[in-house]
Amino acid sequence: MNFKMIGTGIAAIAMVAVSFAAGAADMPVKGYRSVIAYYNWTGFYVGINGGYGWGRADWVTPPPVSFNTSGYLIGGTVGFNYQTGSIVWGIEGDLDYSTVRGTGDPAICGTPTCETRMLWIGTARARIGYAFDRWLPFITGGAAIAGLRHTGNDASETKTKLGWTAGVGLEYAFMRAWSAKIEYLYTDLGTTTCTTCFTGFPQDIRYRVNMVRLGVNYRF
């Protein structure tokens, strides 16, 4: 796991969230009545998202080889929020098409092709955030599922793998029913086995991916 890169992403989002939270707290009041018209986040929503993913594929049985993967993501989102005071509780699901892929060194792989590609990825997550009127910083976590294609020895296998995901984000309601968000997710899809990637023995492959996505949601 690239802890430095992950930490930088989380720190950047956290700094933005704190900055906007401080701005909301410093908004002026008139007499005993605040001038803020507080936004209500409760309701169902649908949206679109897109972004970038980067990860690591570890082919852990001999010959061992590890390589980076990267590519783009685009897909759709559905969810529901329920606000109690300033706390916003939510559930969210999404499904993205993915071009995230990477190729290992053939000299180390021992085959002409040594590749892992994430074809698609979906998540089902809980969210909890603290609303500063129209600004909503949040943390999130839950299950992830993805389609992985491993290629070696001129043969490919596609597997569906279940894993877990967690991350942070920031959402802003720029109109009554519309909001925009940025989020970071770290996803661990565990280990899969490719039985045809090498002649004579199966190959165990561990896969992890980081995702940074922008999204726009419409709230009903």
C-alpha atoms as a PDB file:
ATOM      1  CA  MET A   1       0.000   0.000   0.000  1.00  0.00           C
ATOM      2  CA  ASN A   2       1.348   3.470  -0.887  1.00  0.00           C
ATOM      3  CA  PHE A   3       0.786   5.047   2.540  1.00  0.00           C
ATOM      4  CA  LYS A   4       2.422   8.345   1.547  1.00  0.00           C
ATOM      5  CA  MET A   5       0.070   8.872  -1.415  1.00  0.00           C
ATOM      6  CA  ILE A   6      -2.994   7.739   0.546  1.00  0.00           C
ATOM      7  CA  GLY A   7      -2.088   9.987   3.459  1.00  0.00           C
ATOM      8  CA  THR A   8      -1.606  12.975   1.152  1.00  0.00           C
ATOM      9  CA  GLY A   9      -5.040  12.464  -0.407  1.00  0.00           C
ATOM     10  CA  ILE A  10      -6.787  12.131   2.949  1.00  0.00           C
ATOM     11  CA  ALA A  11      -4.952  15.153   4.343  1.00  0.00           C
ATOM     12  CA  ALA A  12      -5.907  17.314   1.358  1.00  0.00           C
ATOM     13  CA  ILE A  13      -9.608  16.472   1.644  1.00  0.00           C
ATOM     14  CA  ALA A  14      -9.514  16.933   5.420  1.00  0.00           C
ATOM     15  CA  MET A  15      -7.904  20.385   5.069  1.00  0.00           C
ATOM     16  CA  VAL A  16     -10.613  21.475   2.616  1.00  0.00           C
ATOM     17  CA  ALA A  17     -13.335  20.181   4.933  1.00  0.00           C
ATOM     18  CA  VAL A  18     -11.881  22.003   7.952  1.00  0.00           C
ATOM     19  CA  SER A  19     -11.488  25.211   5.952  1.00  0.00           C
ATOM     20  CA  PHE A  20     -15.118  25.270   4.876  1.00  0.00           C
ATOM     21  CA  ALA A  21     -16.303  24.221   8.318  1.00  0.00           C
ATOM     22  CA  ALA A  22     -14.473  27.169   9.843  1.00  0.00           C
ATOM     23  CA  GLY A  23     -15.970  29.498   7.258  1.00  0.00           C
ATOM     24  CA  ALA A  24     -19.480  28.278   8.048  1.00  0.00           C
ATOM     25  CA  ALA A  25     -18.940  28.712  11.771  1.00  0.00           C
ATOM     26  CA  ASP A  26     -17.782  32.324  11.276  1.00  0.00           C
ATOM     27  CA  MET A  27     -20.818  33.451   9.249  1.00  0.00           C
ATOM     28  CA  PRO A  28     -22.428  36.566  10.752  1.00  0.00           C
ATOM     29  CA  VAL A  29     -25.580  36.636  12.834  1.00  0.00           C
ATOM     30  CA  LYS A  30     -28.150  39.412  13.104  1.00  0.00           C
ATOM     31  CA  GLY A  31     -29.348  40.008  16.616  1.00  0.00           C
ATOM     32  CA  TYR A  32     -30.275  36.655  18.135  1.00  0.00           C
ATOM     33  CA  ARG A  33     -31.165  35.077  14.806  1.00  0.00           C
ATOM     34  CA  SER A  34     -28.651  33.485  12.440  1.00  0.00           C
ATOM     35  CA  VAL A  35     -28.767  34.589   8.794  1.00  0.00           C
ATOM     36  CA  ILE A  36     -27.931  31.041   7.672  1.00  0.00           C
ATOM     37  CA  ALA A  37     -30.727  29.189   5.868  1.00  0.00           C
ATOM     38  CA  TYR A  38     -29.796  25.667   6.868  1.00  0.00           C
ATOM     39  CA  TYR A  39     -29.859  23.004   4.175  1.00  0.00           C
ATOM     40  CA  ASN A  40     -31.647  19.694   4.777  1.00  0.00           C
ATOM     41  CA  TRP A  41     -29.704  16.681   3.445  1.00  0.00           C
ATOM     42  CA  THR A  42     -32.475  14.115   4.071  1.00  0.00           C
ATOM     43  CA  GLY A  43     -33.730  12.215   1.038  1.00  0.00           C
ATOM     44  CA  PHE A  44     -32.995   9.795  -1.778  1.00  0.00           C
ATOM     45  CA  TYR A  45     -30.543  10.775  -4.525  1.00  0.00           C
ATOM     46  CA  VAL A  46     -29.057   9.553  -7.792  1.00  0.00           C
ATOM     47  CA  GLY A  47     -25.942  10.758  -9.550  1.00  0.00           C
ATOM     48  CA  ILE A  48     -22.958  10.220 -11.795  1.00  0.00           C
ATOM     49  CA  ASN A  49     -19.297   9.973 -10.865  1.00  0.00           C
ATOM     50  CA  GLY A  50     -15.937   9.774 -12.563  1.00  0.00           C
ATOM     51  CA  GLY A  51     -12.324   9.809 -11.573  1.00  0.00           C
ATOM     52  CA  TYR A  52      -8.972   8.048 -11.466  1.00  0.00           C
ATOM     53  CA  GLY A  53      -7.745   4.830  -9.885  1.00  0.00           C
ATOM     54  CA  TRP A  54      -4.289   3.508  -9.101  1.00  0.00           C
ATOM     55  CA  GLY A  55      -3.297   0.311  -7.387  1.00  0.00           C
ATOM     56  CA  ARG A  56      -1.000  -2.640  -6.960  1.00  0.00           C
ATOM     57  CA  ALA A  57      -1.139  -6.213  -8.236  1.00  0.00           C
ATOM     58  CA  ASP A  58       1.009  -8.811  -6.433  1.00  0.00           C
ATOM     59  CA  TRP A  59       1.399 -12.145  -8.230  1.00  0.00           C
ATOM     60  CA  VAL A  60       2.501 -13.922  -5.084  1.00  0.00           C
ATOM     61  CA  THR A  61       3.284 -17.498  -6.182  1.00  0.00           C
ATOM     62  CA  PRO A  62       6.430 -18.299  -8.211  1.00  0.00           C
ATOM     63  CA  PRO A  63       7.636 -16.502 -10.144  1.00  0.00           C
ATOM     64  CA  PRO A  64       6.704 -13.623  -7.782  1.00  0.00           C
ATOM     65  CA  VAL A  65       6.123 -10.241  -9.426  1.00  0.00           C
ATOM     66  CA  SER A  66       4.435  -6.973  -8.414  1.00  0.00           C
ATOM     67  CA  PHE A  67       3.438  -4.034 -10.589  1.00  0.00           C
ATOM     68  CA  ASN A  68       1.383  -0.844 -10.488  1.00  0.00           C
ATOM     69  CA  THR A  69      -1.998  -0.368 -12.141  1.00  0.00           C
ATOM     70  CA  SER A  70      -3.800   2.837 -13.135  1.00  0.00           C
ATOM     71  CA  GLY A  71      -6.692   4.103 -15.233  1.00  0.00           C
ATOM     72  CA  TYR A  72     -10.010   5.909 -15.293  1.00  0.00           C
ATOM     73  CA  LEU A  73     -13.457   5.287 -13.785  1.00  0.00           C
ATOM     74  CA  ILE A  74     -16.963   6.398 -14.704  1.00  0.00           C
ATOM     75  CA  GLY A  75     -20.347   5.287 -13.414  1.00  0.00           C
ATOM     76  CA  GLY A  76     -23.529   5.939 -11.479  1.00  0.00           C
ATOM     77  CA  THR A  77     -24.522   6.413  -7.832  1.00  0.00           C
ATOM     78  CA  VAL A  78     -27.671   5.894  -5.725  1.00  0.00           C
ATOM     79  CA  GLY A  79     -28.119   6.689  -2.054  1.00  0.00           C
ATOM     80  CA  PHE A  80     -30.181   7.923   0.872  1.00  0.00           C
ATOM     81  CA  ASN A  81     -29.417  10.425   3.644  1.00  0.00           C
ATOM     82  CA  TYR A  82     -31.171  11.043   6.952  1.00  0.00           C
ATOM     83  CA  GLN A  83     -30.245  14.147   8.945  1.00  0.00           C
ATOM     84  CA  THR A  84     -30.551  14.431  12.736  1.00  0.00           C
ATOM     85  CA  GLY A  85     -29.367  17.840  13.888  1.00  0.00           C
ATOM     86  CA  SER A  86     -26.016  18.379  12.198  1.00  0.00           C
ATOM     87  CA  ILE A  87     -25.291  14.649  11.786  1.00  0.00           C
ATOM     88  CA  VAL A  88     -26.093  13.128   8.397  1.00  0.00           C
ATOM     89  CA  TRP A  89     -26.425   9.340   8.239  1.00  0.00           C
ATOM     90  CA  GLY A  90     -26.459   7.682   4.847  1.00  0.00           C
ATOM     91  CA  ILE A  91     -26.130   4.614   2.674  1.00  0.00           C
ATOM     92  CA  GLU A  92     -24.690   4.732  -0.823  1.00  0.00           C
ATOM     93  CA  GLY A  93     -24.062   2.353  -3.689  1.00  0.00           C
ATOM     94  CA  ASP A  94     -22.264   2.842  -6.982  1.00  0.00           C
ATOM     95  CA  LEU A  95     -21.138   0.904 -10.042  1.00  0.00           C
ATOM     96  CA  ASP A  96     -18.269   2.086 -12.269  1.00  0.00           C
ATOM     97  CA  TYR A  97     -16.729   1.001 -15.547  1.00  0.00           C
ATOM     98  CA  SER A  98     -12.943   0.853 -15.175  1.00  0.00           C
ATOM     99  CA  THR A  99      -9.853   1.053 -17.388  1.00  0.00           C
ATOM    100  CA  VAL A 100      -7.489   0.493 -14.437  1.00  0.00           C
ATOM    101  CA  ARG A 101      -4.789  -1.942 -15.584  1.00  0.00           C
ATOM    102  CA  GLY A 102      -1.092  -2.721 -15.319  1.00  0.00           C
ATOM    103  CA  THR A 103       1.514  -4.998 -16.875  1.00  0.00           C
ATOM    104  CA  GLY A 104       4.480  -6.730 -15.266  1.00  0.00           C
ATOM    105  CA  ASP A 105       7.956  -7.192 -16.657  1.00  0.00           C
ATOM    106  CA  PRO A 106       7.843 -10.260 -18.990  1.00  0.00           C
ATOM    107  CA  ALA A 107      11.381 -11.193 -17.957  1.00  0.00           C
ATOM    108  CA  ILE A 108      10.236 -11.539 -14.340  1.00  0.00           C
ATOM    109  CA  CYS A 109       6.812 -12.967 -15.136  1.00  0.00           C
ATOM    110  CA  GLY A 110       8.329 -15.704 -17.266  1.00  0.00           C
ATOM    111  CA  THR A 111       5.588 -15.247 -19.880  1.00  0.00           C
ATOM    112  CA  PRO A 112       5.110 -12.854 -22.834  1.00  0.00           C
ATOM    113  CA  THR A 113       2.155 -11.230 -21.019  1.00  0.00           C
ATOM    114  CA  CYS A 114       1.608 -10.607 -17.315  1.00  0.00           C
ATOM    115  CA  GLU A 115      -1.348  -8.279 -16.780  1.00  0.00           C
ATOM    116  CA  THR A 116      -4.096  -7.468 -14.276  1.00  0.00           C
ATOM    117  CA  ARG A 117      -7.056  -5.315 -15.254  1.00  0.00           C
ATOM    118  CA  MET A 118     -10.016  -4.145 -13.182  1.00  0.00           C
ATOM    119  CA  LEU A 119     -12.976  -4.211 -15.598  1.00  0.00           C
ATOM    120  CA  TRP A 120     -15.591  -2.740 -13.234  1.00  0.00           C
ATOM    121  CA  ILE A 121     -16.096  -2.004  -9.564  1.00  0.00           C
ATOM    122  CA  GLY A 122     -19.100  -1.488  -7.314  1.00  0.00           C
ATOM    123  CA  THR A 123     -19.395  -0.487  -3.666  1.00  0.00           C
ATOM    124  CA  ALA A 124     -22.127  -0.536  -1.002  1.00  0.00           C
ATOM    125  CA  ARG A 125     -21.215   1.755   1.868  1.00  0.00           C
ATOM    126  CA  ALA A 126     -22.442   3.496   4.991  1.00  0.00           C
ATOM    127  CA  ARG A 127     -21.724   7.225   5.278  1.00  0.00           C
ATOM    128  CA  ILE A 128     -21.692   9.558   8.244  1.00  0.00           C
ATOM    129  CA  GLY A 129     -21.088  13.278   7.937  1.00  0.00           C
ATOM    130  CA  TYR A 130     -21.350  16.545   9.839  1.00  0.00           C
ATOM    131  CA  ALA A 131     -23.346  19.214   8.011  1.00  0.00           C
ATOM    132  CA  PHE A 132     -22.180  22.835   7.972  1.00  0.00           C
ATOM    133  CA  ASP A 133     -25.281  24.061   6.172  1.00  0.00           C
ATOM    134  CA  ARG A 134     -24.542  23.171   2.507  1.00  0.00           C
ATOM    135  CA  TRP A 135     -21.099  21.681   3.207  1.00  0.00           C
ATOM    136  CA  LEU A 136     -20.919  18.017   4.218  1.00  0.00           C
ATOM    137  CA  PRO A 137     -17.561  16.409   5.081  1.00  0.00           C
ATOM    138  CA  PHE A 138     -18.010  12.663   5.602  1.00  0.00           C
ATOM    139  CA  ILE A 139     -16.354   9.332   6.241  1.00  0.00           C
ATOM    140  CA  THR A 140     -17.517   6.138   4.553  1.00  0.00           C
ATOM    141  CA  GLY A 141     -16.904   2.398   4.503  1.00  0.00           C
ATOM    142  CA  GLY A 142     -18.404  -0.918   3.456  1.00  0.00           C
ATOM    143  CA  ALA A 143     -18.207  -3.680   0.876  1.00  0.00           C
ATOM    144  CA  ALA A 144     -16.664  -3.631  -2.597  1.00  0.00           C
ATOM    145  CA  ILE A 145     -17.026  -6.017  -5.524  1.00  0.00           C
ATOM    146  CA  ALA A 146     -15.078  -5.951  -8.784  1.00  0.00           C
ATOM    147  CA  GLY A 147     -14.434  -7.824 -11.993  1.00  0.00           C
ATOM    148  CA  LEU A 148     -10.722  -8.655 -12.402  1.00  0.00           C
ATOM    149  CA  ARG A 149      -9.066 -10.062 -15.505  1.00  0.00           C
ATOM    150  CA  HIS A 150      -5.650 -11.701 -15.124  1.00  0.00           C
ATOM    151  CA  THR A 151      -3.603 -12.563 -18.204  1.00  0.00           C
ATOM    152  CA  GLY A 152      -0.494 -14.726 -18.371  1.00  0.00           C
ATOM    153  CA  ASN A 153       0.944 -17.446 -20.586  1.00  0.00           C
ATOM    154  CA  ASP A 154      -1.288 -16.097 -23.414  1.00  0.00           C
ATOM    155  CA  ALA A 155      -4.384 -17.086 -21.391  1.00  0.00           C
ATOM    156  CA  SER A 156      -6.859 -14.978 -19.425  1.00  0.00           C
ATOM    157  CA  GLU A 157      -9.262 -15.562 -16.563  1.00  0.00           C
ATOM    158  CA  THR A 158     -11.940 -13.162 -15.332  1.00  0.00           C
ATOM    159  CA  LYS A 159     -12.990 -13.360 -11.701  1.00  0.00           C
ATOM    160  CA  THR A 160     -15.558 -11.500  -9.592  1.00  0.00           C
ATOM    161  CA  LYS A 161     -13.997 -10.635  -6.229  1.00  0.00           C
ATOM    162  CA  LEU A 162     -15.553  -9.329  -3.016  1.00  0.00           C
ATOM    163  CA  GLY A 163     -13.573  -7.061  -0.709  1.00  0.00           C
ATOM    164  CA  TRP A 164     -13.852  -3.998   1.508  1.00  0.00           C
ATOM    165  CA  THR A 165     -13.482  -0.241   1.051  1.00  0.00           C
ATOM    166  CA  ALA A 166     -13.162   2.881   3.228  1.00  0.00           C
ATOM    167  CA  GLY A 167     -12.506   6.555   2.678  1.00  0.00           C
ATOM    168  CA  VAL A 168     -13.385  10.216   3.180  1.00  0.00           C
ATOM    169  CA  GLY A 169     -15.051  12.934   1.155  1.00  0.00           C
ATOM    170  CA  LEU A 170     -16.629  16.357   0.938  1.00  0.00           C
ATOM    171  CA  GLU A 171     -20.004  17.238  -0.623  1.00  0.00           C
ATOM    172  CA  TYR A 172     -21.495  20.667  -1.385  1.00  0.00           C
ATOM    173  CA  ALA A 173     -25.157  21.421  -2.172  1.00  0.00           C
ATOM    174  CA  PHE A 174     -24.943  24.178  -4.769  1.00  0.00           C
ATOM    175  CA  MET A 175     -28.706  24.233  -5.567  1.00  0.00           C
ATOM    176  CA  ARG A 176     -31.867  23.057  -3.813  1.00  0.00           C
ATOM    177  CA  ALA A 177     -31.701  19.530  -5.259  1.00  0.00           C
ATOM    178  CA  TRP A 178     -28.159  19.373  -6.677  1.00  0.00           C
ATOM    179  CA  SER A 179     -24.848  18.662  -4.971  1.00  0.00           C
ATOM    180  CA  ALA A 180     -21.260  17.982  -6.020  1.00  0.00           C
ATOM    181  CA  LYS A 181     -18.707  15.858  -4.203  1.00  0.00           C
ATOM    182  CA  ILE A 182     -15.109  14.718  -4.129  1.00  0.00           C
ATOM    183  CA  GLU A 183     -14.130  11.487  -2.389  1.00  0.00           C
ATOM    184  CA  TYR A 184     -11.184   9.173  -1.829  1.00  0.00           C
ATOM    185  CA  LEU A 185     -11.631   5.400  -1.370  1.00  0.00           C
ATOM    186  CA  TYR A 186      -9.085   2.713  -0.572  1.00  0.00           C
ATOM    187  CA  THR A 187     -10.221  -0.765  -1.638  1.00  0.00           C
ATOM    188  CA  ASP A 188      -8.714  -4.159  -0.813  1.00  0.00           C
ATOM    189  CA  LEU A 189     -10.005  -6.999  -3.014  1.00  0.00           C
ATOM    190  CA  GLY A 190      -7.951  -9.720  -1.364  1.00  0.00           C
ATOM    191  CA  THR A 191      -6.461 -12.610  -3.342  1.00  0.00           C
ATOM    192  CA  THR A 192      -7.755 -14.404  -6.423  1.00  0.00           C
ATOM    193  CA  THR A 193      -6.339 -17.441  -8.207  1.00  0.00           C
ATOM    194  CA  CYS A 194      -5.610 -17.722 -11.922  1.00  0.00           C
ATOM    195  CA  THR A 195      -5.408 -21.396 -12.890  1.00  0.00           C
ATOM    196  CA  THR A 196      -4.292 -20.845 -16.512  1.00  0.00           C
ATOM    197  CA  CYS A 197      -1.887 -17.903 -16.217  1.00  0.00           C
ATOM    198  CA  PHE A 198       1.069 -20.271 -15.858  1.00  0.00           C
ATOM    199  CA  THR A 199       1.537 -23.789 -17.148  1.00  0.00           C
ATOM    200  CA  GLY A 200       1.518 -26.449 -14.470  1.00  0.00           C
ATOM    201  CA  PHE A 201       0.481 -24.488 -11.383  1.00  0.00           C
ATOM    202  CA  PRO A 202      -2.073 -21.841 -10.312  1.00  0.00           C
ATOM    203  CA  GLN A 203      -1.083 -18.235  -9.680  1.00  0.00           C
ATOM    204  CA  ASP A 204      -2.344 -16.375  -6.594  1.00  0.00           C
ATOM    205  CA  ILE A 205      -2.830 -12.631  -7.174  1.00  0.00           C
ATOM    206  CA  ARG A 206      -3.525  -9.976  -4.522  1.00  0.00           C
ATOM    207  CA  TYR A 207      -5.094  -6.707  -5.677  1.00  0.00           C
ATOM    208  CA  ARG A 208      -5.650  -3.282  -4.059  1.00  0.00           C
ATOM    209  CA  VAL A 209      -6.788   0.000  -5.598  1.00  0.00           C
ATOM    210  CA  ASN A 210      -7.107   3.665  -4.611  1.00  0.00           C
ATOM    211  CA  MET A 211      -9.802   5.833  -6.190  1.00  0.00           C
ATOM    212  CA  VAL A 212     -10.362   9.585  -6.287  1.00  0.00           C
ATOM    213  CA  ARG A 213     -13.726  10.502  -7.800  1.00  0.00           C
ATOM    214  CA  LEU A 214     -15.800  13.585  -8.513  1.00  0.00           C
ATOM    215  CA  GLY A 215     -19.568  13.294  -8.588  1.00  0.00           C
ATOM    216  CA  VAL A 216     -22.818  15.190  -9.082  1.00  0.00           C
ATOM    217  CA  ASN A 217     -26.019  14.077  -7.301  1.00  0.00           C
ATOM    218  CA  TYR A 218     -29.672  14.983  -7.696  1.00  0.00           C
ATOM    219  CA  ARG A 219     -31.715  14.761  -4.493  1.00  0.00           C
ATOM    220  CA  PHE A 220     -35.463  13.953  -4.506  1.00  0.00           C
END
